[in-house]
Amino acid sequence: MHIKEFKNLGYSQNEINSILSVAKPKNIMRIHIYRGQTEEARNLAIQRNVPKKDSLHAILARDNNLQLISRDPHFERLKDITSAKKPEDFI
């Protein structure tokens, strides 16, 4: 999903690889998105007035026991789904 978003923003595959190389390889993993998660994300997006992709990120973080890191204020409306932290919280 992240790679698709980067491509939609106009980044080349080389630029995407460079961006993702900042994280250690063991910190990046591919996860499967299940139909139930996309349905939950769609409903949550409508209920909370947030983009569907943001609600899906929160659900995926929750379901995979991952820490969500974002500067996007939409995640304030999703903090009961997963705890989001700002990048500067890790510095």
PDB file of N, CA and C in Angstrom:
ATOM      1  N   MET A   1       0.825  -1.184   0.000  1.00  0.00           N
ATOM      2  CA  MET A   1       0.000   0.000   0.000  1.00  0.00           C
ATOM      3  C   MET A   1       0.873   1.253   0.000  1.00  0.00           C
ATOM      4  N   HIS A   2       1.956   1.227   0.777  1.00  0.00           N
ATOM      5  CA  HIS A   2       2.852   2.385   0.812  1.00  0.00           C
ATOM      6  C   HIS A   2       3.499   2.606  -0.549  1.00  0.00           C
ATOM      7  N   ILE A   3       3.941   1.518  -1.154  1.00  0.00           N
ATOM      8  CA  ILE A   3       4.598   1.636  -2.457  1.00  0.00           C
ATOM      9  C   ILE A   3       3.629   2.216  -3.473  1.00  0.00           C
ATOM     10  N   LYS A   4       2.394   1.758  -3.446  1.00  0.00           N
ATOM     11  CA  LYS A   4       1.378   2.279  -4.362  1.00  0.00           C
ATOM     12  C   LYS A   4       1.154   3.775  -4.126  1.00  0.00           C
ATOM     13  N   GLU A   5       1.123   4.176  -2.866  1.00  0.00           N
ATOM     14  CA  GLU A   5       0.945   5.601  -2.540  1.00  0.00           C
ATOM     15  C   GLU A   5       2.127   6.430  -3.040  1.00  0.00           C
ATOM     16  N   PHE A   6       3.341   5.920  -2.843  1.00  0.00           N
ATOM     17  CA  PHE A   6       4.518   6.638  -3.351  1.00  0.00           C
ATOM     18  C   PHE A   6       4.450   6.795  -4.862  1.00  0.00           C
ATOM     19  N   LYS A   7       4.058   5.732  -5.556  1.00  0.00           N
ATOM     20  CA  LYS A   7       3.945   5.799  -7.018  1.00  0.00           C
ATOM     21  C   LYS A   7       2.888   6.815  -7.435  1.00  0.00           C
ATOM     22  N   ASN A   8       1.771   6.855  -6.714  1.00  0.00           N
ATOM     23  CA  ASN A   8       0.719   7.833  -7.008  1.00  0.00           C
ATOM     24  C   ASN A   8       1.204   9.265  -6.795  1.00  0.00           C
ATOM     25  N   LEU A   9       2.181   9.436  -5.917  1.00  0.00           N
ATOM     26  CA  LEU A   9       2.754  10.765  -5.668  1.00  0.00           C
ATOM     27  C   LEU A   9       3.828  11.119  -6.688  1.00  0.00           C
ATOM     28  N   GLY A  10       4.141  10.169  -7.586  1.00  0.00           N
ATOM     29  CA  GLY A  10       5.089  10.450  -8.656  1.00  0.00           C
ATOM     30  C   GLY A  10       6.515  10.004  -8.412  1.00  0.00           C
ATOM     31  N   TYR A  11       6.758   9.254  -7.330  1.00  0.00           N
ATOM     32  CA  TYR A  11       8.104   8.768  -7.062  1.00  0.00           C
ATOM     33  C   TYR A  11       8.435   7.606  -7.993  1.00  0.00           C
ATOM     34  N   SER A  12       9.678   7.542  -8.445  1.00  0.00           N
ATOM     35  CA  SER A  12      10.132   6.420  -9.253  1.00  0.00           C
ATOM     36  C   SER A  12      10.430   5.238  -8.326  1.00  0.00           C
ATOM     37  N   GLN A  13      10.586   4.053  -8.901  1.00  0.00           N
ATOM     38  CA  GLN A  13      10.901   2.872  -8.089  1.00  0.00           C
ATOM     39  C   GLN A  13      12.237   3.046  -7.381  1.00  0.00           C
ATOM     40  N   ASN A  14      13.215   3.664  -8.046  1.00  0.00           N
ATOM     41  CA  ASN A  14      14.521   3.913  -7.407  1.00  0.00           C
ATOM     42  C   ASN A  14      14.377   4.849  -6.214  1.00  0.00           C
ATOM     43  N   GLU A  15      13.560   5.892  -6.356  1.00  0.00           N
ATOM     44  CA  GLU A  15      13.338   6.825  -5.248  1.00  0.00           C
ATOM     45  C   GLU A  15      12.630   6.125  -4.090  1.00  0.00           C
ATOM     46  N   ILE A  16      11.671   5.282  -4.419  1.00  0.00           N
ATOM     47  CA  ILE A  16      10.952   4.533  -3.384  1.00  0.00           C
ATOM     48  C   ILE A  16      11.914   3.607  -2.644  1.00  0.00           C
ATOM     49  N   ASN A  17      12.751   2.907  -3.389  1.00  0.00           N
ATOM     50  CA  ASN A  17      13.732   2.015  -2.757  1.00  0.00           C
ATOM     51  C   ASN A  17      14.665   2.792  -1.839  1.00  0.00           C
ATOM     52  N   SER A  18      15.056   3.978  -2.253  1.00  0.00           N
ATOM     53  CA  SER A  18      15.927   4.818  -1.440  1.00  0.00           C
ATOM     54  C   SER A  18      15.230   5.252  -0.152  1.00  0.00           C
ATOM     55  N   ILE A  19      13.976   5.648  -0.272  1.00  0.00           N
ATOM     56  CA  ILE A  19      13.192   6.052   0.909  1.00  0.00           C
ATOM     57  C   ILE A  19      13.078   4.896   1.885  1.00  0.00           C
ATOM     58  N   LEU A  20      12.737   3.725   1.373  1.00  0.00           N
ATOM     59  CA  LEU A  20      12.529   2.566   2.237  1.00  0.00           C
ATOM     60  C   LEU A  20      13.825   1.999   2.788  1.00  0.00           C
ATOM     61  N   SER A  21      14.954   2.301   2.168  1.00  0.00           N
ATOM     62  CA  SER A  21      16.234   1.776   2.645  1.00  0.00           C
ATOM     63  C   SER A  21      16.644   2.400   3.972  1.00  0.00           C
ATOM     64  N   VAL A  22      16.007   3.486   4.361  1.00  0.00           N
ATOM     65  CA  VAL A  22      16.311   4.132   5.641  1.00  0.00           C
ATOM     66  C   VAL A  22      15.993   3.185   6.797  1.00  0.00           C
ATOM     67  N   ALA A  23      14.923   2.418   6.640  1.00  0.00           N
ATOM     68  CA  ALA A  23      14.544   1.450   7.673  1.00  0.00           C
ATOM     69  C   ALA A  23      15.376   0.182   7.484  1.00  0.00           C
ATOM     70  N   LYS A  24      15.677  -0.449   8.580  1.00  0.00           N
ATOM     71  CA  LYS A  24      16.397  -1.719   8.493  1.00  0.00           C
ATOM     72  C   LYS A  24      15.478  -2.735   7.825  1.00  0.00           C
ATOM     73  N   PRO A  25      16.026  -3.621   7.001  1.00  0.00           N
ATOM     74  CA  PRO A  25      15.196  -4.611   6.299  1.00  0.00           C
ATOM     75  C   PRO A  25      14.271  -5.403   7.209  1.00  0.00           C
ATOM     76  N   LYS A  26      14.710  -5.705   8.422  1.00  0.00           N
ATOM     77  CA  LYS A  26      13.846  -6.485   9.307  1.00  0.00           C
ATOM     78  C   LYS A  26      12.675  -5.655   9.842  1.00  0.00           C
ATOM     79  N   ASN A  27      12.736  -4.328   9.679  1.00  0.00           N
ATOM     80  CA  ASN A  27      11.657  -3.467  10.143  1.00  0.00           C
ATOM     81  C   ASN A  27      10.598  -3.219   9.079  1.00  0.00           C
ATOM     82  N   ILE A  28      10.804  -3.744   7.886  1.00  0.00           N
ATOM     83  CA  ILE A  28       9.829  -3.608   6.811  1.00  0.00           C
ATOM     84  C   ILE A  28       9.330  -4.998   6.476  1.00  0.00           C
ATOM     85  N   MET A  29       8.021  -5.149   6.452  1.00  0.00           N
ATOM     86  CA  MET A  29       7.458  -6.445   6.129  1.00  0.00           C
ATOM     87  C   MET A  29       6.220  -6.274   5.261  1.00  0.00           C
ATOM     88  N   ARG A  30       5.995  -7.226   4.420  1.00  0.00           N
ATOM     89  CA  ARG A  30       4.780  -7.241   3.614  1.00  0.00           C
ATOM     90  C   ARG A  30       3.709  -7.956   4.420  1.00  0.00           C
ATOM     91  N   ILE A  31       2.536  -7.374   4.435  1.00  0.00           N
ATOM     92  CA  ILE A  31       1.420  -8.014   5.115  1.00  0.00           C
ATOM     93  C   ILE A  31       0.249  -8.107   4.152  1.00  0.00           C
ATOM     94  N   HIS A  32      -0.548  -9.130   4.326  1.00  0.00           N
ATOM     95  CA  HIS A  32      -1.712  -9.335   3.473  1.00  0.00           C
ATOM     96  C   HIS A  32      -2.858  -8.491   4.011  1.00  0.00           C
ATOM     97  N   ILE A  33      -3.626  -7.915   3.103  1.00  0.00           N
ATOM     98  CA  ILE A  33      -4.819  -7.152   3.479  1.00  0.00           C
ATOM     99  C   ILE A  33      -6.019  -8.036   3.174  1.00  0.00           C
ATOM    100  N   TYR A  34      -6.797  -8.322   4.188  1.00  0.00           N
ATOM    101  CA  TYR A  34      -7.959  -9.191   4.042  1.00  0.00           C
ATOM    102  C   TYR A  34      -9.221  -8.384   3.753  1.00  0.00           C
ATOM    103  N   ARG A  35     -10.165  -9.031   3.100  1.00  0.00           N
ATOM    104  CA  ARG A  35     -11.421  -8.377   2.739  1.00  0.00           C
ATOM    105  C   ARG A  35     -12.124  -7.780   3.972  1.00  0.00           C
ATOM    106  N   GLY A  36     -12.134  -8.507   5.059  1.00  0.00           N
ATOM    107  CA  GLY A  36     -12.768  -8.009   6.284  1.00  0.00           C
ATOM    108  C   GLY A  36     -12.132  -6.715   6.770  1.00  0.00           C
ATOM    109  N   GLN A  37     -10.824  -6.600   6.600  1.00  0.00           N
ATOM    110  CA  GLN A  37     -10.124  -5.384   7.010  1.00  0.00           C
ATOM    111  C   GLN A  37     -10.508  -4.208   6.114  1.00  0.00           C
ATOM    112  N   THR A  38     -10.629  -4.460   4.814  1.00  0.00           N
ATOM    113  CA  THR A  38     -11.014  -3.357   3.917  1.00  0.00           C
ATOM    114  C   THR A  38     -12.454  -2.933   4.165  1.00  0.00           C
ATOM    115  N   GLU A  39     -13.321  -3.886   4.491  1.00  0.00           N
ATOM    116  CA  GLU A  39     -14.708  -3.543   4.808  1.00  0.00           C
ATOM    117  C   GLU A  39     -14.775  -2.740   6.107  1.00  0.00           C
ATOM    118  N   GLU A  40     -14.022  -3.167   7.111  1.00  0.00           N
ATOM    119  CA  GLU A  40     -13.973  -2.428   8.379  1.00  0.00           C
ATOM    120  C   GLU A  40     -13.410  -1.023   8.151  1.00  0.00           C
ATOM    121  N   ALA A  41     -12.367  -0.925   7.319  1.00  0.00           N
ATOM    122  CA  ALA A  41     -11.753   0.378   7.023  1.00  0.00           C
ATOM    123  C   ALA A  41     -12.752   1.303   6.337  1.00  0.00           C
ATOM    124  N   ARG A  42     -13.521   0.775   5.402  1.00  0.00           N
ATOM    125  CA  ARG A  42     -14.518   1.586   4.694  1.00  0.00           C
ATOM    126  C   ARG A  42     -15.555   2.142   5.683  1.00  0.00           C
ATOM    127  N   ASN A  43     -16.056   1.276   6.544  1.00  0.00           N
ATOM    128  CA  ASN A  43     -17.055   1.720   7.532  1.00  0.00           C
ATOM    129  C   ASN A  43     -16.467   2.716   8.520  1.00  0.00           C
ATOM    130  N   LEU A  44     -15.267   2.437   8.976  1.00  0.00           N
ATOM    131  CA  LEU A  44     -14.596   3.319   9.933  1.00  0.00           C
ATOM    132  C   LEU A  44     -14.324   4.686   9.321  1.00  0.00           C
ATOM    133  N   ALA A  45     -13.925   4.703   8.064  1.00  0.00           N
ATOM    134  CA  ALA A  45     -13.648   5.971   7.375  1.00  0.00           C
ATOM    135  C   ALA A  45     -14.905   6.841   7.321  1.00  0.00           C
ATOM    136  N   ILE A  46     -16.024   6.217   7.043  1.00  0.00           N
ATOM    137  CA  ILE A  46     -17.288   6.965   6.999  1.00  0.00           C
ATOM    138  C   ILE A  46     -17.663   7.461   8.387  1.00  0.00           C
ATOM    139  N   GLN A  47     -17.570   6.593   9.385  1.00  0.00           N
ATOM    140  CA  GLN A  47     -17.944   6.955  10.754  1.00  0.00           C
ATOM    141  C   GLN A  47     -17.078   8.064  11.331  1.00  0.00           C
ATOM    142  N   ARG A  48     -15.766   8.016  11.048  1.00  0.00           N
ATOM    143  CA  ARG A  48     -14.825   8.953  11.656  1.00  0.00           C
ATOM    144  C   ARG A  48     -14.456  10.118  10.745  1.00  0.00           C
ATOM    145  N   ASN A  49     -14.974  10.116   9.515  1.00  0.00           N
ATOM    146  CA  ASN A  49     -14.680  11.164   8.551  1.00  0.00           C
ATOM    147  C   ASN A  49     -13.165  11.291   8.309  1.00  0.00           C
ATOM    148  N   VAL A  50     -12.563  10.144   7.981  1.00  0.00           N
ATOM    149  CA  VAL A  50     -11.142  10.093   7.646  1.00  0.00           C
ATOM    150  C   VAL A  50     -10.999   9.354   6.320  1.00  0.00           C
ATOM    151  N   PRO A  51      -9.879   9.531   5.623  1.00  0.00           N
ATOM    152  CA  PRO A  51      -9.659   8.777   4.391  1.00  0.00           C
ATOM    153  C   PRO A  51      -9.621   7.267   4.663  1.00  0.00           C
ATOM    154  N   LYS A  52     -10.142   6.490   3.715  1.00  0.00           N
ATOM    155  CA  LYS A  52     -10.180   5.037   3.868  1.00  0.00           C
ATOM    156  C   LYS A  52      -8.778   4.459   4.070  1.00  0.00           C
ATOM    157  N   LYS A  53      -7.797   4.996   3.340  1.00  0.00           N
ATOM    158  CA  LYS A  53      -6.435   4.476   3.483  1.00  0.00           C
ATOM    159  C   LYS A  53      -5.899   4.696   4.891  1.00  0.00           C
ATOM    160  N   ASP A  54      -6.249   5.811   5.512  1.00  0.00           N
ATOM    161  CA  ASP A  54      -5.797   6.063   6.880  1.00  0.00           C
ATOM    162  C   ASP A  54      -6.442   5.068   7.842  1.00  0.00           C
ATOM    163  N   SER A  55      -7.737   4.821   7.673  1.00  0.00           N
ATOM    164  CA  SER A  55      -8.389   3.861   8.552  1.00  0.00           C
ATOM    165  C   SER A  55      -7.824   2.458   8.328  1.00  0.00           C
ATOM    166  N   LEU A  56      -7.486   2.130   7.082  1.00  0.00           N
ATOM    167  CA  LEU A  56      -6.895   0.826   6.799  1.00  0.00           C
ATOM    168  C   LEU A  56      -5.510   0.706   7.437  1.00  0.00           C
ATOM    169  N   HIS A  57      -4.711   1.761   7.390  1.00  0.00           N
ATOM    170  CA  HIS A  57      -3.397   1.741   8.052  1.00  0.00           C
ATOM    171  C   HIS A  57      -3.562   1.464   9.541  1.00  0.00           C
ATOM    172  N   ALA A  58      -4.518   2.115  10.177  1.00  0.00           N
ATOM    173  CA  ALA A  58      -4.734   1.914  11.610  1.00  0.00           C
ATOM    174  C   ALA A  58      -5.145   0.473  11.896  1.00  0.00           C
ATOM    175  N   ILE A  59      -6.024  -0.070  11.092  1.00  0.00           N
ATOM    176  CA  ILE A  59      -6.487  -1.445  11.278  1.00  0.00           C
ATOM    177  C   ILE A  59      -5.349  -2.435  11.056  1.00  0.00           C
ATOM    178  N   LEU A  60      -4.550  -2.211  10.030  1.00  0.00           N
ATOM    179  CA  LEU A  60      -3.415  -3.103   9.766  1.00  0.00           C
ATOM    180  C   LEU A  60      -2.390  -3.053  10.888  1.00  0.00           C
ATOM    181  N   ALA A  61      -2.142  -1.874  11.421  1.00  0.00           N
ATOM    182  CA  ALA A  61      -1.213  -1.756  12.554  1.00  0.00           C
ATOM    183  C   ALA A  61      -1.759  -2.529  13.753  1.00  0.00           C
ATOM    184  N   ARG A  62      -3.041  -2.338  14.030  1.00  0.00           N
ATOM    185  CA  ARG A  62      -3.669  -3.045  15.153  1.00  0.00           C
ATOM    186  C   ARG A  62      -3.601  -4.558  14.968  1.00  0.00           C
ATOM    187  N   ASP A  63      -4.005  -5.037  13.800  1.00  0.00           N
ATOM    188  CA  ASP A  63      -4.100  -6.474  13.568  1.00  0.00           C
ATOM    189  C   ASP A  63      -2.741  -7.164  13.478  1.00  0.00           C
ATOM    190  N   ASN A  64      -1.701  -6.413  13.222  1.00  0.00           N
ATOM    191  CA  ASN A  64      -0.356  -6.988  13.112  1.00  0.00           C
ATOM    192  C   ASN A  64       0.554  -6.584  14.255  1.00  0.00           C
ATOM    193  N   ASN A  65      -0.051  -5.987  15.292  1.00  0.00           N
ATOM    194  CA  ASN A  65       0.686  -5.573  16.489  1.00  0.00           C
ATOM    195  C   ASN A  65       1.883  -4.703  16.125  1.00  0.00           C
ATOM    196  N   LEU A  66       1.629  -3.698  15.264  1.00  0.00           N
ATOM    197  CA  LEU A  66       2.677  -2.794  14.802  1.00  0.00           C
ATOM    198  C   LEU A  66       2.451  -1.389  15.338  1.00  0.00           C
ATOM    199  N   GLN A  67       3.517  -0.640  15.473  1.00  0.00           N
ATOM    200  CA  GLN A  67       3.432   0.750  15.902  1.00  0.00           C
ATOM    201  C   GLN A  67       3.219   1.628  14.681  1.00  0.00           C
ATOM    202  N   LEU A  68       2.180   2.433  14.698  1.00  0.00           N
ATOM    203  CA  LEU A  68       1.885   3.358  13.612  1.00  0.00           C
ATOM    204  C   LEU A  68       2.576   4.682  13.899  1.00  0.00           C
ATOM    205  N   ILE A  69       3.325   5.181  12.925  1.00  0.00           N
ATOM    206  CA  ILE A  69       4.026   6.453  13.065  1.00  0.00           C
ATOM    207  C   ILE A  69       3.546   7.364  11.956  1.00  0.00           C
ATOM    208  N   SER A  70       3.015   8.536  12.325  1.00  0.00           N
ATOM    209  CA  SER A  70       2.470   9.435  11.308  1.00  0.00           C
ATOM    210  C   SER A  70       2.394  10.860  11.829  1.00  0.00           C
ATOM    211  N   ARG A  71       2.469  11.801  10.894  1.00  0.00           N
ATOM    212  CA  ARG A  71       2.231  13.207  11.204  1.00  0.00           C
ATOM    213  C   ARG A  71       0.816  13.623  10.789  1.00  0.00           C
ATOM    214  N   ASP A  72       0.097  12.700  10.196  1.00  0.00           N
ATOM    215  CA  ASP A  72      -1.234  12.961   9.665  1.00  0.00           C
ATOM    216  C   ASP A  72      -2.231  13.151  10.813  1.00  0.00           C
ATOM    217  N   PRO A  73      -2.884  14.304  10.880  1.00  0.00           N
ATOM    218  CA  PRO A  73      -3.818  14.553  11.984  1.00  0.00           C
ATOM    219  C   PRO A  73      -5.059  13.662  11.965  1.00  0.00           C
ATOM    220  N   HIS A  74      -5.340  13.000  10.856  1.00  0.00           N
ATOM    221  CA  HIS A  74      -6.494  12.108  10.814  1.00  0.00           C
ATOM    222  C   HIS A  74      -6.378  10.985  11.842  1.00  0.00           C
ATOM    223  N   PHE A  75      -5.149  10.604  12.169  1.00  0.00           N
ATOM    224  CA  PHE A  75      -4.968   9.491  13.089  1.00  0.00           C
ATOM    225  C   PHE A  75      -5.389   9.832  14.516  1.00  0.00           C
ATOM    226  N   GLU A  76      -5.566  11.108  14.803  1.00  0.00           N
ATOM    227  CA  GLU A  76      -6.118  11.498  16.109  1.00  0.00           C
ATOM    228  C   GLU A  76      -7.529  10.925  16.263  1.00  0.00           C
ATOM    229  N   ARG A  77      -8.253  10.813  15.152  1.00  0.00           N
ATOM    230  CA  ARG A  77      -9.613  10.283  15.178  1.00  0.00           C
ATOM    231  C   ARG A  77      -9.633   8.759  15.216  1.00  0.00           C
ATOM    232  N   LEU A  78      -8.463   8.160  15.113  1.00  0.00           N
ATOM    233  CA  LEU A  78      -8.363   6.698  15.080  1.00  0.00           C
ATOM    234  C   LEU A  78      -7.526   6.149  16.224  1.00  0.00           C
ATOM    235  N   LYS A  79      -7.211   6.988  17.204  1.00  0.00           N
ATOM    236  CA  LYS A  79      -6.264   6.561  18.240  1.00  0.00           C
ATOM    237  C   LYS A  79      -6.803   5.459  19.147  1.00  0.00           C
ATOM    238  N   ASP A  80      -8.126   5.219  19.117  1.00  0.00           N
ATOM    239  CA  ASP A  80      -8.647   4.091  19.880  1.00  0.00           C
ATOM    240  C   ASP A  80      -8.484   2.775  19.115  1.00  0.00           C
ATOM    241  N   ILE A  81      -8.201   2.857  17.824  1.00  0.00           N
ATOM    242  CA  ILE A  81      -7.961   1.667  17.006  1.00  0.00           C
ATOM    243  C   ILE A  81      -6.518   1.210  17.183  1.00  0.00           C
ATOM    244  N   THR A  82      -5.592   2.140  17.091  1.00  0.00           N
ATOM    245  CA  THR A  82      -4.172   1.856  17.294  1.00  0.00           C
ATOM    246  C   THR A  82      -3.512   3.130  17.820  1.00  0.00           C
ATOM    247  N   SER A  83      -2.461   2.975  18.578  1.00  0.00           N
ATOM    248  CA  SER A  83      -1.787   4.166  19.091  1.00  0.00           C
ATOM    249  C   SER A  83      -0.813   4.685  18.045  1.00  0.00           C
ATOM    250  N   ALA A  84      -1.039   5.904  17.606  1.00  0.00           N
ATOM    251  CA  ALA A  84      -0.146   6.534  16.628  1.00  0.00           C
ATOM    252  C   ALA A  84       0.853   7.414  17.355  1.00  0.00           C
ATOM    253  N   LYS A  85       2.065   7.407  16.868  1.00  0.00           N
ATOM    254  CA  LYS A  85       3.098   8.283  17.422  1.00  0.00           C
ATOM    255  C   LYS A  85       3.659   9.134  16.303  1.00  0.00           C
ATOM    256  N   LYS A  86       4.102  10.314  16.662  1.00  0.00           N
ATOM    257  CA  LYS A  86       4.734  11.207  15.698  1.00  0.00           C
ATOM    258  C   LYS A  86       6.209  10.828  15.581  1.00  0.00           C
ATOM    259  N   PRO A  87       6.794  11.030  14.397  1.00  0.00           N
ATOM    260  CA  PRO A  87       8.210  10.648  14.224  1.00  0.00           C
ATOM    261  C   PRO A  87       9.124  11.257  15.274  1.00  0.00           C
ATOM    262  N   GLU A  88       8.865  12.485  15.671  1.00  0.00           N
ATOM    263  CA  GLU A  88       9.753  13.127  16.652  1.00  0.00           C
ATOM    264  C   GLU A  88       9.674  12.467  18.030  1.00  0.00           C
ATOM    265  N   ASP A  89       8.636  11.665  18.292  1.00  0.00           N
ATOM    266  CA  ASP A  89       8.547  10.935  19.550  1.00  0.00           C
ATOM    267  C   ASP A  89       9.625   9.863  19.663  1.00  0.00           C
ATOM    268  N   PHE A  90      10.246   9.490  18.532  1.00  0.00           N
ATOM    269  CA  PHE A  90      11.246   8.448  18.525  1.00  0.00           C
ATOM    270  C   PHE A  90      12.660   8.990  18.489  1.00  0.00           C
ATOM    271  N   ILE A  91      12.804  10.300  18.428  1.00  0.00           N
ATOM    272  CA  ILE A  91      14.143  10.901  18.346  1.00  0.00           C
ATOM    273  C   ILE A  91      14.716  11.099  19.717  1.00  0.00           C
TER     274      ILE A  91
END
